[in-house]
Amino acid sequence: MNAGSAAQDTASTPHAGPVRVVIAKPGLDGHDRGAKVIARALRDAGIEVIYTGLHQTPAQVVDTAIQEDADFIGLSILSGAHLTLFTEVLRLLGERDATDIVVFGGGIIPTEDADQLRAIGVAEVFGPGTPTMAVVDFVRTRSVRQD
């Protein structure tokens, strides 16, 4: 548990450096093309990206974000489990005293569910066809780090 405490301290310490975004594919969804496109767009914009790969649990996503001192978690979900997965990630961030990590996401998420996700604390939900620059601009606008 000591490693978790150290990670909490690191996550809440402001510092300069590149913006760091964890892009994750939680759950059983095996389609990651959109996540990889967003990861590439963010990298091309000078943002540091940690891509976790497929089939991550919410706990693994949160652990990675804290260990990597991420500013953002971007979840890509096509499986229909978005309400459950986003809610669990937000809960775990609260448990770990890491609510300063901004959570956003995208995928096949109905408008009414996207509104519900925003209401529980998801900063933004990007649907199919969203230009990659919209995600880059969102991250740049919400970032507190100085490059």
Protein backbone atom coordinates (compact mmCIF):
# COMPACT_ATOMS: atom_id res chain seq x y z
CA MET A 1 0.00 0.00 0.00
CA ASN A 2 2.92 2.36 0.45
CA ALA A 3 3.33 2.60 -3.32
CA GLY A 4 -0.27 3.82 -3.56
CA SER A 5 0.37 6.53 -0.99
CA ALA A 6 3.44 7.74 -2.87
CA ALA A 7 1.45 7.75 -6.10
CA GLN A 8 -1.26 9.84 -4.47
CA ASP A 9 1.29 12.39 -3.35
CA THR A 10 2.77 12.57 -6.84
CA ALA A 11 -0.62 12.92 -8.53
CA SER A 12 -1.53 15.97 -6.48
CA THR A 13 1.80 17.76 -6.83
CA PRO A 14 1.71 20.49 -9.50
CA HIS A 15 4.73 20.66 -11.79
CA ALA A 16 5.86 21.83 -15.18
CA GLY A 17 6.35 19.49 -18.08
CA PRO A 18 4.39 18.02 -20.92
CA VAL A 19 0.73 17.24 -20.48
CA ARG A 20 0.26 13.51 -19.85
CA VAL A 21 -2.79 11.59 -21.02
CA VAL A 22 -3.60 7.95 -20.36
CA ILE A 23 -5.67 6.50 -23.19
CA ALA A 24 -7.40 3.31 -22.13
CA LYS A 25 -9.71 0.63 -23.50
CA PRO A 26 -11.48 -0.70 -20.41
CA GLY A 27 -13.67 -3.77 -20.41
CA LEU A 28 -14.02 -6.48 -22.99
CA ASP A 29 -14.18 -4.24 -26.06
CA GLY A 30 -11.52 -5.37 -28.52
CA HIS A 31 -11.71 -2.52 -31.03
CA ASP A 32 -8.98 0.05 -30.47
CA ARG A 33 -8.58 1.88 -33.77
CA GLY A 34 -10.29 5.06 -32.47
CA ALA A 35 -8.19 5.04 -29.31
CA LYS A 36 -5.02 4.72 -31.38
CA VAL A 37 -6.10 7.56 -33.70
CA ILE A 38 -6.70 9.85 -30.71
CA ALA A 39 -3.42 8.78 -29.09
CA ARG A 40 -1.54 9.62 -32.30
CA ALA A 41 -3.26 13.01 -32.68
CA LEU A 42 -2.38 13.92 -29.09
CA ARG A 43 1.25 12.81 -29.57
CA ASP A 44 1.50 14.78 -32.82
CA ALA A 45 0.34 17.83 -30.84
CA GLY A 46 3.20 17.40 -28.36
CA ILE A 47 1.15 15.78 -25.62
CA GLU A 48 2.65 12.79 -23.85
CA VAL A 49 0.41 9.72 -24.23
CA ILE A 50 0.42 6.46 -22.32
CA TYR A 51 -1.72 3.89 -24.15
CA THR A 52 -2.70 1.03 -21.85
CA GLY A 53 -3.85 -1.42 -24.51
CA LEU A 54 -6.97 -3.55 -24.60
CA HIS A 55 -9.02 -5.15 -21.85
CA GLN A 56 -8.04 -2.97 -18.91
CA THR A 57 -9.97 -2.95 -15.67
CA PRO A 58 -10.96 0.41 -14.19
CA ALA A 59 -8.48 -0.28 -11.36
CA GLN A 60 -5.66 -0.86 -13.85
CA VAL A 61 -6.53 2.38 -15.66
CA VAL A 62 -6.53 4.41 -12.44
CA ASP A 63 -3.32 2.75 -11.21
CA THR A 64 -1.60 3.59 -14.50
CA ALA A 65 -2.79 7.19 -14.43
CA ILE A 66 -1.50 7.70 -10.89
CA GLN A 67 1.79 5.89 -11.49
CA GLU A 68 2.38 7.85 -14.70
CA ASP A 69 1.43 11.18 -13.08
CA ALA A 70 -1.23 11.72 -15.73
CA ASP A 71 -3.29 14.86 -16.05
CA PHE A 72 -6.05 13.13 -18.04
CA ILE A 73 -7.64 9.75 -18.56
CA GLY A 74 -9.30 9.22 -21.92
CA LEU A 75 -11.53 6.15 -22.10
CA SER A 76 -12.61 4.65 -25.41
CA ILE A 77 -15.66 2.41 -25.05
CA LEU A 78 -17.66 0.76 -27.81
CA SER A 79 -19.10 -2.13 -25.81
CA GLY A 80 -22.12 -0.45 -24.22
CA ALA A 81 -20.64 -0.67 -20.72
CA HIS A 82 -19.77 3.04 -20.63
CA LEU A 83 -21.96 3.98 -17.65
CA THR A 84 -20.50 1.23 -15.49
CA LEU A 85 -16.87 1.72 -16.55
CA PHE A 86 -16.77 5.53 -16.32
CA THR A 87 -18.54 5.44 -12.96
CA GLU A 88 -16.03 2.95 -11.58
CA VAL A 89 -13.03 4.95 -12.84
CA LEU A 90 -14.41 8.10 -11.19
CA ARG A 91 -15.10 6.22 -7.96
CA LEU A 92 -11.58 4.80 -7.85
CA LEU A 93 -10.04 8.21 -8.55
CA GLY A 94 -12.01 9.55 -5.58
CA GLU A 95 -10.82 6.69 -3.37
CA ARG A 96 -7.21 7.36 -4.38
CA ASP A 97 -7.51 11.13 -3.80
CA ALA A 98 -6.78 11.70 -7.49
CA THR A 99 -9.84 13.66 -8.57
CA ASP A 100 -7.53 16.24 -10.14
CA ILE A 101 -7.11 13.82 -13.06
CA VAL A 102 -9.57 14.92 -15.74
CA VAL A 103 -11.62 12.09 -17.26
CA PHE A 104 -12.96 12.26 -20.81
CA GLY A 105 -13.98 9.67 -23.31
CA GLY A 106 -15.50 8.62 -26.51
CA GLY A 107 -17.02 5.80 -28.42
CA ILE A 108 -20.51 4.68 -29.20
CA ILE A 109 -22.32 6.48 -26.40
CA PRO A 110 -25.94 7.62 -26.78
CA THR A 111 -26.54 11.35 -26.22
CA GLU A 112 -28.64 10.78 -23.09
CA ASP A 113 -25.89 8.59 -21.61
CA ALA A 114 -23.25 11.19 -22.52
CA ASP A 115 -25.30 13.77 -20.61
CA GLN A 116 -25.50 11.42 -17.63
CA LEU A 117 -21.73 10.86 -17.76
CA ARG A 118 -21.10 14.60 -17.75
CA ALA A 119 -23.46 14.94 -14.78
CA ILE A 120 -21.39 12.47 -12.72
CA GLY A 121 -18.09 14.19 -13.50
CA VAL A 122 -16.84 13.10 -16.91
CA ALA A 123 -15.40 16.30 -18.39
CA GLU A 124 -16.33 15.58 -22.02
CA VAL A 125 -17.68 12.81 -24.22
CA PHE A 126 -16.69 12.70 -27.89
CA GLY A 127 -18.85 10.79 -30.31
CA PRO A 128 -18.13 9.16 -33.66
CA GLY A 129 -16.92 11.60 -36.29
CA THR A 130 -15.43 14.06 -33.82
CA PRO A 131 -12.41 15.73 -35.42
CA THR A 132 -9.21 14.71 -33.67
CA MET A 133 -8.31 18.38 -33.23
CA ALA A 134 -11.40 18.81 -31.04
CA VAL A 135 -9.90 16.32 -28.59
CA VAL A 136 -6.47 17.98 -28.80
CA ASP A 137 -8.03 21.40 -28.20
CA PHE A 138 -10.02 20.04 -25.25
CA VAL A 139 -6.87 18.66 -23.61
CA ARG A 140 -4.90 21.85 -24.25
CA THR A 141 -7.74 24.03 -22.89
CA ARG A 142 -8.21 21.95 -19.73
CA SER A 143 -4.52 21.46 -19.00
CA VAL A 144 -2.95 23.14 -16.00
CA ARG A 145 0.64 22.21 -16.87
CA GLN A 146 3.03 24.52 -18.59
CA ASP A 147 4.98 23.12 -21.56
